[in-house]
Amino acid sequence: IQPFIIVEGLSDFNIKGFYVFFNHNLLKFQSFLECLDTCFKIFHALSLKYPNACQIPWIFIQKYFYEINTVYDIKSVNLTSLINFCNNN
């Protein structure tokens, strides 16, 4: 089972909460960044694979914000270009 993020609200201007759902537990957070950080750390603490559908965004977060590189990371020219662009701006 993979952790995932839930955003509660009707629109961008009416967000009520941010949650991480994992292993039948629902954790509530005050900000999206706290929620994202916890979800990311669950993946790494338990050595879980990122879901295929969102693997590239998770690897971007891993490499750019946390500066973690592993031998298991997929290789992507687009991802490398994006990281290089962000590092040069």
PDB file of N, CA and C in Angstrom:
ATOM      1  N   ILE A   1       0.856  -1.182   0.000  1.00  0.00           N
ATOM      2  CA  ILE A   1       0.000   0.000   0.000  1.00  0.00           C
ATOM      3  C   ILE A   1       0.893   1.233   0.000  1.00  0.00           C
ATOM      4  N   GLN A   2       0.597   2.153  -0.898  1.00  0.00           N
ATOM      5  CA  GLN A   2       1.363   3.386  -1.013  1.00  0.00           C
ATOM      6  C   GLN A   2       0.675   4.513  -0.243  1.00  0.00           C
ATOM      7  N   PRO A   3       1.455   5.407   0.378  1.00  0.00           N
ATOM      8  CA  PRO A   3       0.845   6.583   0.991  1.00  0.00           C
ATOM      9  C   PRO A   3       0.370   7.525  -0.110  1.00  0.00           C
ATOM     10  N   PHE A   4      -0.683   8.268   0.172  1.00  0.00           N
ATOM     11  CA  PHE A   4      -1.099   9.283  -0.787  1.00  0.00           C
ATOM     12  C   PHE A   4      -1.675  10.487  -0.077  1.00  0.00           C
ATOM     13  N   ILE A   5      -1.696  11.606  -0.792  1.00  0.00           N
ATOM     14  CA  ILE A   5      -2.118  12.890  -0.249  1.00  0.00           C
ATOM     15  C   ILE A   5      -3.565  13.151  -0.639  1.00  0.00           C
ATOM     16  N   ILE A   6      -4.322  13.669   0.319  1.00  0.00           N
ATOM     17  CA  ILE A   6      -5.713  14.070   0.091  1.00  0.00           C
ATOM     18  C   ILE A   6      -5.820  15.546   0.458  1.00  0.00           C
ATOM     19  N   VAL A   7      -6.411  16.333  -0.422  1.00  0.00           N
ATOM     20  CA  VAL A   7      -6.683  17.745  -0.137  1.00  0.00           C
ATOM     21  C   VAL A   7      -8.187  17.898  -0.033  1.00  0.00           C
ATOM     22  N   GLU A   8      -8.655  18.418   1.095  1.00  0.00           N
ATOM     23  CA  GLU A   8     -10.083  18.584   1.340  1.00  0.00           C
ATOM     24  C   GLU A   8     -10.478  20.037   1.084  1.00  0.00           C
ATOM     25  N   GLY A   9     -11.510  20.236   0.264  1.00  0.00           N
ATOM     26  CA  GLY A   9     -12.021  21.576  -0.003  1.00  0.00           C
ATOM     27  C   GLY A   9     -12.734  21.623  -1.324  1.00  0.00           C
ATOM     28  N   LEU A  10     -13.468  22.704  -1.534  1.00  0.00           N
ATOM     29  CA  LEU A  10     -14.265  22.852  -2.742  1.00  0.00           C
ATOM     30  C   LEU A  10     -13.516  23.571  -3.857  1.00  0.00           C
ATOM     31  N   SER A  11     -12.537  24.396  -3.498  1.00  0.00           N
ATOM     32  CA  SER A  11     -11.776  25.134  -4.508  1.00  0.00           C
ATOM     33  C   SER A  11     -10.429  25.515  -3.915  1.00  0.00           C
ATOM     34  N   ASP A  12      -9.597  26.174  -4.716  1.00  0.00           N
ATOM     35  CA  ASP A  12      -8.288  26.621  -4.245  1.00  0.00           C
ATOM     36  C   ASP A  12      -8.402  27.585  -3.068  1.00  0.00           C
ATOM     37  N   PHE A  13      -9.506  28.323  -2.996  1.00  0.00           N
ATOM     38  CA  PHE A  13      -9.665  29.345  -1.973  1.00  0.00           C
ATOM     39  C   PHE A  13     -10.423  28.845  -0.749  1.00  0.00           C
ATOM     40  N   ASN A  14     -10.837  27.584  -0.768  1.00  0.00           N
ATOM     41  CA  ASN A  14     -11.634  27.038   0.328  1.00  0.00           C
ATOM     42  C   ASN A  14     -11.086  25.679   0.769  1.00  0.00           C
ATOM     43  N   ILE A  15      -9.777  25.610   1.003  1.00  0.00           N
ATOM     44  CA  ILE A  15      -9.158  24.353   1.410  1.00  0.00           C
ATOM     45  C   ILE A  15      -9.303  24.211   2.918  1.00  0.00           C
ATOM     46  N   LYS A  16      -9.810  23.059   3.333  1.00  0.00           N
ATOM     47  CA  LYS A  16     -10.064  22.816   4.756  1.00  0.00           C
ATOM     48  C   LYS A  16      -8.972  21.997   5.422  1.00  0.00           C
ATOM     49  N   GLY A  17      -8.269  21.184   4.656  1.00  0.00           N
ATOM     50  CA  GLY A  17      -7.244  20.369   5.282  1.00  0.00           C
ATOM     51  C   GLY A  17      -6.418  19.582   4.288  1.00  0.00           C
ATOM     52  N   PHE A  18      -5.280  19.135   4.770  1.00  0.00           N
ATOM     53  CA  PHE A  18      -4.361  18.317   3.988  1.00  0.00           C
ATOM     54  C   PHE A  18      -4.122  17.037   4.774  1.00  0.00           C
ATOM     55  N   TYR A  19      -4.161  15.911   4.085  1.00  0.00           N
ATOM     56  CA  TYR A  19      -4.064  14.623   4.754  1.00  0.00           C
ATOM     57  C   TYR A  19      -3.105  13.693   4.011  1.00  0.00           C
ATOM     58  N   VAL A  20      -2.477  12.810   4.769  1.00  0.00           N
ATOM     59  CA  VAL A  20      -1.759  11.681   4.195  1.00  0.00           C
ATOM     60  C   VAL A  20      -2.496  10.440   4.678  1.00  0.00           C
ATOM     61  N   PHE A  21      -2.894   9.605   3.724  1.00  0.00           N
ATOM     62  CA  PHE A  21      -3.534   8.345   4.063  1.00  0.00           C
ATOM     63  C   PHE A  21      -2.536   7.232   3.827  1.00  0.00           C
ATOM     64  N   PHE A  22      -2.315   6.422   4.864  1.00  0.00           N
ATOM     65  CA  PHE A  22      -1.381   5.312   4.738  1.00  0.00           C
ATOM     66  C   PHE A  22      -1.717   4.242   5.767  1.00  0.00           C
ATOM     67  N   ASN A  23      -1.823   3.010   5.299  1.00  0.00           N
ATOM     68  CA  ASN A  23      -2.026   1.856   6.170  1.00  0.00           C
ATOM     69  C   ASN A  23      -3.217   2.052   7.125  1.00  0.00           C
ATOM     70  N   HIS A  24      -4.331   2.475   6.572  1.00  0.00           N
ATOM     71  CA  HIS A  24      -5.581   2.693   7.312  1.00  0.00           C
ATOM     72  C   HIS A  24      -5.481   3.834   8.319  1.00  0.00           C
ATOM     73  N   ASN A  25      -4.499   4.706   8.181  1.00  0.00           N
ATOM     74  CA  ASN A  25      -4.347   5.880   9.044  1.00  0.00           C
ATOM     75  C   ASN A  25      -4.499   7.138   8.214  1.00  0.00           C
ATOM     76  N   LEU A  26      -5.185   8.117   8.774  1.00  0.00           N
ATOM     77  CA  LEU A  26      -5.362   9.407   8.114  1.00  0.00           C
ATOM     78  C   LEU A  26      -4.714  10.472   8.990  1.00  0.00           C
ATOM     79  N   LEU A  27      -3.631  11.061   8.498  1.00  0.00           N
ATOM     80  CA  LEU A  27      -2.893  12.074   9.243  1.00  0.00           C
ATOM     81  C   LEU A  27      -3.234  13.448   8.696  1.00  0.00           C
ATOM     82  N   LYS A  28      -3.637  14.382   9.557  1.00  0.00           N
ATOM     83  CA  LYS A  28      -4.019  15.726   9.114  1.00  0.00           C
ATOM     84  C   LYS A  28      -2.875  16.706   9.352  1.00  0.00           C
ATOM     85  N   PHE A  29      -2.689  17.636   8.385  1.00  0.00           N
ATOM     86  CA  PHE A  29      -1.634  18.632   8.463  1.00  0.00           C
ATOM     87  C   PHE A  29      -2.189  20.025   8.209  1.00  0.00           C
ATOM     88  N   GLN A  30      -1.487  21.015   8.733  1.00  0.00           N
ATOM     89  CA  GLN A  30      -1.910  22.404   8.587  1.00  0.00           C
ATOM     90  C   GLN A  30      -1.503  23.012   7.242  1.00  0.00           C
ATOM     91  N   SER A  31      -0.485  22.424   6.605  1.00  0.00           N
ATOM     92  CA  SER A  31      -0.036  22.984   5.327  1.00  0.00           C
ATOM     93  C   SER A  31       0.247  21.860   4.339  1.00  0.00           C
ATOM     94  N   PHE A  32       0.208  22.232   3.070  1.00  0.00           N
ATOM     95  CA  PHE A  32       0.511  21.257   2.024  1.00  0.00           C
ATOM     96  C   PHE A  32       1.962  20.788   2.113  1.00  0.00           C
ATOM     97  N   LEU A  33       2.883  21.704   2.428  1.00  0.00           N
ATOM     98  CA  LEU A  33       4.297  21.331   2.493  1.00  0.00           C
ATOM     99  C   LEU A  33       4.570  20.315   3.599  1.00  0.00           C
ATOM    100  N   GLU A  34       3.935  20.465   4.755  1.00  0.00           N
ATOM    101  CA  GLU A  34       4.082  19.469   5.823  1.00  0.00           C
ATOM    102  C   GLU A  34       3.549  18.112   5.369  1.00  0.00           C
ATOM    103  N   CYS A  35       2.426  18.148   4.676  1.00  0.00           N
ATOM    104  CA  CYS A  35       1.791  16.939   4.171  1.00  0.00           C
ATOM    105  C   CYS A  35       2.697  16.243   3.148  1.00  0.00           C
ATOM    106  N   LEU A  36       3.198  16.989   2.209  1.00  0.00           N
ATOM    107  CA  LEU A  36       4.089  16.455   1.179  1.00  0.00           C
ATOM    108  C   LEU A  36       5.370  15.893   1.801  1.00  0.00           C
ATOM    109  N   ASP A  37       5.943  16.617   2.750  1.00  0.00           N
ATOM    110  CA  ASP A  37       7.160  16.184   3.421  1.00  0.00           C
ATOM    111  C   ASP A  37       6.946  14.849   4.137  1.00  0.00           C
ATOM    112  N   THR A  38       5.845  14.721   4.847  1.00  0.00           N
ATOM    113  CA  THR A  38       5.559  13.474   5.571  1.00  0.00           C
ATOM    114  C   THR A  38       5.326  12.318   4.609  1.00  0.00           C
ATOM    115  N   CYS A  39       4.578  12.555   3.549  1.00  0.00           N
ATOM    116  CA  CYS A  39       4.321  11.515   2.566  1.00  0.00           C
ATOM    117  C   CYS A  39       5.640  11.044   1.945  1.00  0.00           C
ATOM    118  N   PHE A  40       6.497  11.975   1.585  1.00  0.00           N
ATOM    119  CA  PHE A  40       7.801  11.638   1.018  1.00  0.00           C
ATOM    120  C   PHE A  40       8.623  10.800   1.999  1.00  0.00           C
ATOM    121  N   LYS A  41       8.629  11.201   3.253  1.00  0.00           N
ATOM    122  CA  LYS A  41       9.424  10.498   4.260  1.00  0.00           C
ATOM    123  C   LYS A  41       8.890   9.094   4.538  1.00  0.00           C
ATOM    124  N   ILE A  42       7.585   8.891   4.404  1.00  0.00           N
ATOM    125  CA  ILE A  42       7.026   7.544   4.546  1.00  0.00           C
ATOM    126  C   ILE A  42       7.575   6.634   3.452  1.00  0.00           C
ATOM    127  N   PHE A  43       7.591   7.145   2.218  1.00  0.00           N
ATOM    128  CA  PHE A  43       8.161   6.357   1.118  1.00  0.00           C
ATOM    129  C   PHE A  43       9.582   5.905   1.457  1.00  0.00           C
ATOM    130  N   HIS A  44      10.399   6.833   1.943  1.00  0.00           N
ATOM    131  CA  HIS A  44      11.808   6.520   2.163  1.00  0.00           C
ATOM    132  C   HIS A  44      12.055   5.730   3.449  1.00  0.00           C
ATOM    133  N   ALA A  45      11.328   6.027   4.500  1.00  0.00           N
ATOM    134  CA  ALA A  45      11.531   5.296   5.759  1.00  0.00           C
ATOM    135  C   ALA A  45      11.178   3.822   5.617  1.00  0.00           C
ATOM    136  N   LEU A  46      10.185   3.535   4.769  1.00  0.00           N
ATOM    137  CA  LEU A  46       9.741   2.152   4.595  1.00  0.00           C
ATOM    138  C   LEU A  46      10.230   1.524   3.289  1.00  0.00           C
ATOM    139  N   SER A  47      11.099   2.229   2.574  1.00  0.00           N
ATOM    140  CA  SER A  47      11.661   1.745   1.298  1.00  0.00           C
ATOM    141  C   SER A  47      10.575   1.327   0.314  1.00  0.00           C
ATOM    142  N   LEU A  48       9.568   2.172   0.171  1.00  0.00           N
ATOM    143  CA  LEU A  48       8.473   1.899  -0.760  1.00  0.00           C
ATOM    144  C   LEU A  48       8.806   2.469  -2.134  1.00  0.00           C
ATOM    145  N   LYS A  49       8.297   1.825  -3.168  1.00  0.00           N
ATOM    146  CA  LYS A  49       8.455   2.342  -4.528  1.00  0.00           C
ATOM    147  C   LYS A  49       7.399   3.417  -4.771  1.00  0.00           C
ATOM    148  N   TYR A  50       7.792   4.410  -5.559  1.00  0.00           N
ATOM    149  CA  TYR A  50       6.808   5.412  -5.973  1.00  0.00           C
ATOM    150  C   TYR A  50       5.835   4.762  -6.953  1.00  0.00           C
ATOM    151  N   PRO A  51       4.566   5.163  -6.938  1.00  0.00           N
ATOM    152  CA  PRO A  51       3.620   4.636  -7.933  1.00  0.00           C
ATOM    153  C   PRO A  51       4.084   5.035  -9.340  1.00  0.00           C
ATOM    154  N   ASN A  52       3.906   4.167 -10.313  1.00  0.00           N
ATOM    155  CA  ASN A  52       4.347   4.443 -11.685  1.00  0.00           C
ATOM    156  C   ASN A  52       3.745   5.721 -12.242  1.00  0.00           C
ATOM    157  N   ALA A  53       2.491   5.988 -11.923  1.00  0.00           N
ATOM    158  CA  ALA A  53       1.794   7.149 -12.486  1.00  0.00           C
ATOM    159  C   ALA A  53       2.399   8.482 -12.043  1.00  0.00           C
ATOM    160  N   CYS A  54       3.073   8.503 -10.896  1.00  0.00           N
ATOM    161  CA  CYS A  54       3.637   9.771 -10.407  1.00  0.00           C
ATOM    162  C   CYS A  54       5.103   9.625  -9.994  1.00  0.00           C
ATOM    163  N   GLN A  55       5.783   8.711 -10.619  1.00  0.00           N
ATOM    164  CA  GLN A  55       7.179   8.443 -10.287  1.00  0.00           C
ATOM    165  C   GLN A  55       8.092   9.632 -10.586  1.00  0.00           C
ATOM    166  N   ILE A  56       7.930  10.252 -11.728  1.00  0.00           N
ATOM    167  CA  ILE A  56       8.792  11.382 -12.112  1.00  0.00           C
ATOM    168  C   ILE A  56       8.653  12.563 -11.145  1.00  0.00           C
ATOM    169  N   PRO A  57       7.440  12.999 -10.795  1.00  0.00           N
ATOM    170  CA  PRO A  57       7.349  14.105  -9.818  1.00  0.00           C
ATOM    171  C   PRO A  57       7.976  13.761  -8.459  1.00  0.00           C
ATOM    172  N   TRP A  58       7.796  12.525  -7.981  1.00  0.00           N
ATOM    173  CA  TRP A  58       8.399  12.141  -6.707  1.00  0.00           C
ATOM    174  C   TRP A  58       9.921  12.130  -6.813  1.00  0.00           C
ATOM    175  N   ILE A  59      10.451  11.667  -7.921  1.00  0.00           N
ATOM    176  CA  ILE A  59      11.911  11.656  -8.079  1.00  0.00           C
ATOM    177  C   ILE A  59      12.446  13.084  -8.178  1.00  0.00           C
ATOM    178  N   PHE A  60      11.676  13.969  -8.818  1.00  0.00           N
ATOM    179  CA  PHE A  60      12.076  15.387  -8.850  1.00  0.00           C
ATOM    180  C   PHE A  60      12.170  15.940  -7.427  1.00  0.00           C
ATOM    181  N   ILE A  61      11.153  15.693  -6.614  1.00  0.00           N
ATOM    182  CA  ILE A  61      11.158  16.155  -5.219  1.00  0.00           C
ATOM    183  C   ILE A  61      12.352  15.561  -4.479  1.00  0.00           C
ATOM    184  N   GLN A  62      12.579  14.287  -4.667  1.00  0.00           N
ATOM    185  CA  GLN A  62      13.687  13.583  -4.009  1.00  0.00           C
ATOM    186  C   GLN A  62      15.036  14.199  -4.372  1.00  0.00           C
ATOM    187  N   LYS A  63      15.253  14.422  -5.659  1.00  0.00           N
ATOM    188  CA  LYS A  63      16.551  14.899  -6.124  1.00  0.00           C
ATOM    189  C   LYS A  63      16.742  16.398  -5.893  1.00  0.00           C
ATOM    190  N   TYR A  64      15.711  17.197  -6.186  1.00  0.00           N
ATOM    191  CA  TYR A  64      15.884  18.646  -6.135  1.00  0.00           C
ATOM    192  C   TYR A  64      15.811  19.191  -4.707  1.00  0.00           C
ATOM    193  N   PHE A  65      14.805  18.800  -3.959  1.00  0.00           N
ATOM    194  CA  PHE A  65      14.611  19.367  -2.628  1.00  0.00           C
ATOM    195  C   PHE A  65      15.388  18.635  -1.531  1.00  0.00           C
ATOM    196  N   TYR A  66      15.490  17.323  -1.642  1.00  0.00           N
ATOM    197  CA  TYR A  66      16.160  16.546  -0.593  1.00  0.00           C
ATOM    198  C   TYR A  66      17.583  16.132  -0.976  1.00  0.00           C
ATOM    199  N   GLU A  67      17.940  16.329  -2.234  1.00  0.00           N
ATOM    200  CA  GLU A  67      19.270  15.998  -2.744  1.00  0.00           C
ATOM    201  C   GLU A  67      19.645  14.545  -2.459  1.00  0.00           C
ATOM    202  N   ILE A  68      18.687  13.641  -2.705  1.00  0.00           N
ATOM    203  CA  ILE A  68      18.900  12.210  -2.522  1.00  0.00           C
ATOM    204  C   ILE A  68      18.985  11.557  -3.899  1.00  0.00           C
ATOM    205  N   ASN A  69      20.064  10.856  -4.142  1.00  0.00           N
ATOM    206  CA  ASN A  69      20.238  10.092  -5.380  1.00  0.00           C
ATOM    207  C   ASN A  69      20.449   8.633  -5.010  1.00  0.00           C
ATOM    208  N   THR A  70      19.749   7.747  -5.703  1.00  0.00           N
ATOM    209  CA  THR A  70      19.911   6.319  -5.448  1.00  0.00           C
ATOM    210  C   THR A  70      20.166   5.593  -6.762  1.00  0.00           C
ATOM    211  N   VAL A  71      20.650   4.375  -6.675  1.00  0.00           N
ATOM    212  CA  VAL A  71      20.887   3.567  -7.861  1.00  0.00           C
ATOM    213  C   VAL A  71      19.564   3.094  -8.473  1.00  0.00           C
ATOM    214  N   TYR A  72      18.478   3.204  -7.735  1.00  0.00           N
ATOM    215  CA  TYR A  72      17.167   2.732  -8.203  1.00  0.00           C
ATOM    216  C   TYR A  72      16.383   3.800  -8.965  1.00  0.00           C
ATOM    217  N   ASP A  73      16.884   5.026  -8.992  1.00  0.00           N
ATOM    218  CA  ASP A  73      16.186   6.118  -9.685  1.00  0.00           C
ATOM    219  C   ASP A  73      16.122   5.843 -11.179  1.00  0.00           C
ATOM    220  N   ILE A  74      14.978   6.132 -11.765  1.00  0.00           N
ATOM    221  CA  ILE A  74      14.870   5.988 -13.215  1.00  0.00           C
ATOM    222  C   ILE A  74      15.613   7.147 -13.873  1.00  0.00           C
ATOM    223  N   LYS A  75      16.100   6.907 -15.048  1.00  0.00           N
ATOM    224  CA  LYS A  75      16.811   7.937 -15.803  1.00  0.00           C
ATOM    225  C   LYS A  75      15.827   8.633 -16.734  1.00  0.00           C
ATOM    226  N   SER A  76      15.833   9.951 -16.694  1.00  0.00           N
ATOM    227  CA  SER A  76      14.941  10.724 -17.542  1.00  0.00           C
ATOM    228  C   SER A  76      15.652  11.993 -17.995  1.00  0.00           C
ATOM    229  N   VAL A  77      15.724  12.174 -19.296  1.00  0.00           N
ATOM    230  CA  VAL A  77      16.347  13.378 -19.853  1.00  0.00           C
ATOM    231  C   VAL A  77      15.553  14.608 -19.442  1.00  0.00           C
ATOM    232  N   ASN A  78      14.222  14.503 -19.472  1.00  0.00           N
ATOM    233  CA  ASN A  78      13.378  15.641 -19.094  1.00  0.00           C
ATOM    234  C   ASN A  78      13.580  16.030 -17.634  1.00  0.00           C
ATOM    235  N   LEU A  79      13.688  15.044 -16.771  1.00  0.00           N
ATOM    236  CA  LEU A  79      13.900  15.318 -15.351  1.00  0.00           C
ATOM    237  C   LEU A  79      15.265  15.953 -15.114  1.00  0.00           C
ATOM    238  N   THR A  80      16.271  15.437 -15.758  1.00  0.00           N
ATOM    239  CA  THR A  80      17.615  16.009 -15.639  1.00  0.00           C
ATOM    240  C   THR A  80      17.639  17.448 -16.145  1.00  0.00           C
ATOM    241  N   SER A  81      16.962  17.713 -17.240  1.00  0.00           N
ATOM    242  CA  SER A  81      16.891  19.069 -17.783  1.00  0.00           C
ATOM    243  C   SER A  81      16.179  20.012 -16.828  1.00  0.00           C
ATOM    244  N   LEU A  82      15.087  19.553 -16.227  1.00  0.00           N
ATOM    245  CA  LEU A  82      14.332  20.371 -15.291  1.00  0.00           C
ATOM    246  C   LEU A  82      15.176  20.694 -14.057  1.00  0.00           C
ATOM    247  N   ILE A  83      15.863  19.720 -13.517  1.00  0.00           N
ATOM    248  CA  ILE A  83      16.706  19.950 -12.342  1.00  0.00           C
ATOM    249  C   ILE A  83      17.843  20.921 -12.669  1.00  0.00           C
ATOM    250  N   ASN A  84      18.468  20.749 -13.824  1.00  0.00           N
ATOM    251  CA  ASN A  84      19.515  21.664 -14.249  1.00  0.00           C
ATOM    252  C   ASN A  84      18.981  23.079 -14.417  1.00  0.00           C
ATOM    253  N   PHE A  85      17.812  23.211 -15.008  1.00  0.00           N
ATOM    254  CA  PHE A  85      17.189  24.527 -15.180  1.00  0.00           C
ATOM    255  C   PHE A  85      16.934  25.173 -13.822  1.00  0.00           C
ATOM    256  N   CYS A  86      16.368  24.420 -12.893  1.00  0.00           N
ATOM    257  CA  CYS A  86      16.059  24.962 -11.551  1.00  0.00           C
ATOM    258  C   CYS A  86      17.325  25.333 -10.807  1.00  0.00           C
ATOM    259  N   ASN A  87      18.378  24.562 -10.966  1.00  0.00           N
ATOM    260  CA  ASN A  87      19.630  24.865 -10.283  1.00  0.00           C
ATOM    261  C   ASN A  87      20.318  26.108 -10.841  1.00  0.00           C
ATOM    262  N   ASN A  88      20.074  26.416 -12.120  1.00  0.00           N
ATOM    263  CA  ASN A  88      20.734  27.560 -12.756  1.00  0.00           C
ATOM    264  C   ASN A  88      19.954  28.861 -12.642  1.00  0.00           C
ATOM    265  N   ASN A  89      18.767  28.810 -12.056  1.00  0.00           N
ATOM    266  CA  ASN A  89      17.944  30.030 -11.905  1.00  0.00           C
ATOM    267  C   ASN A  89      17.823  30.445 -10.484  1.00  0.00           C
TER     268      ASN A  89
END
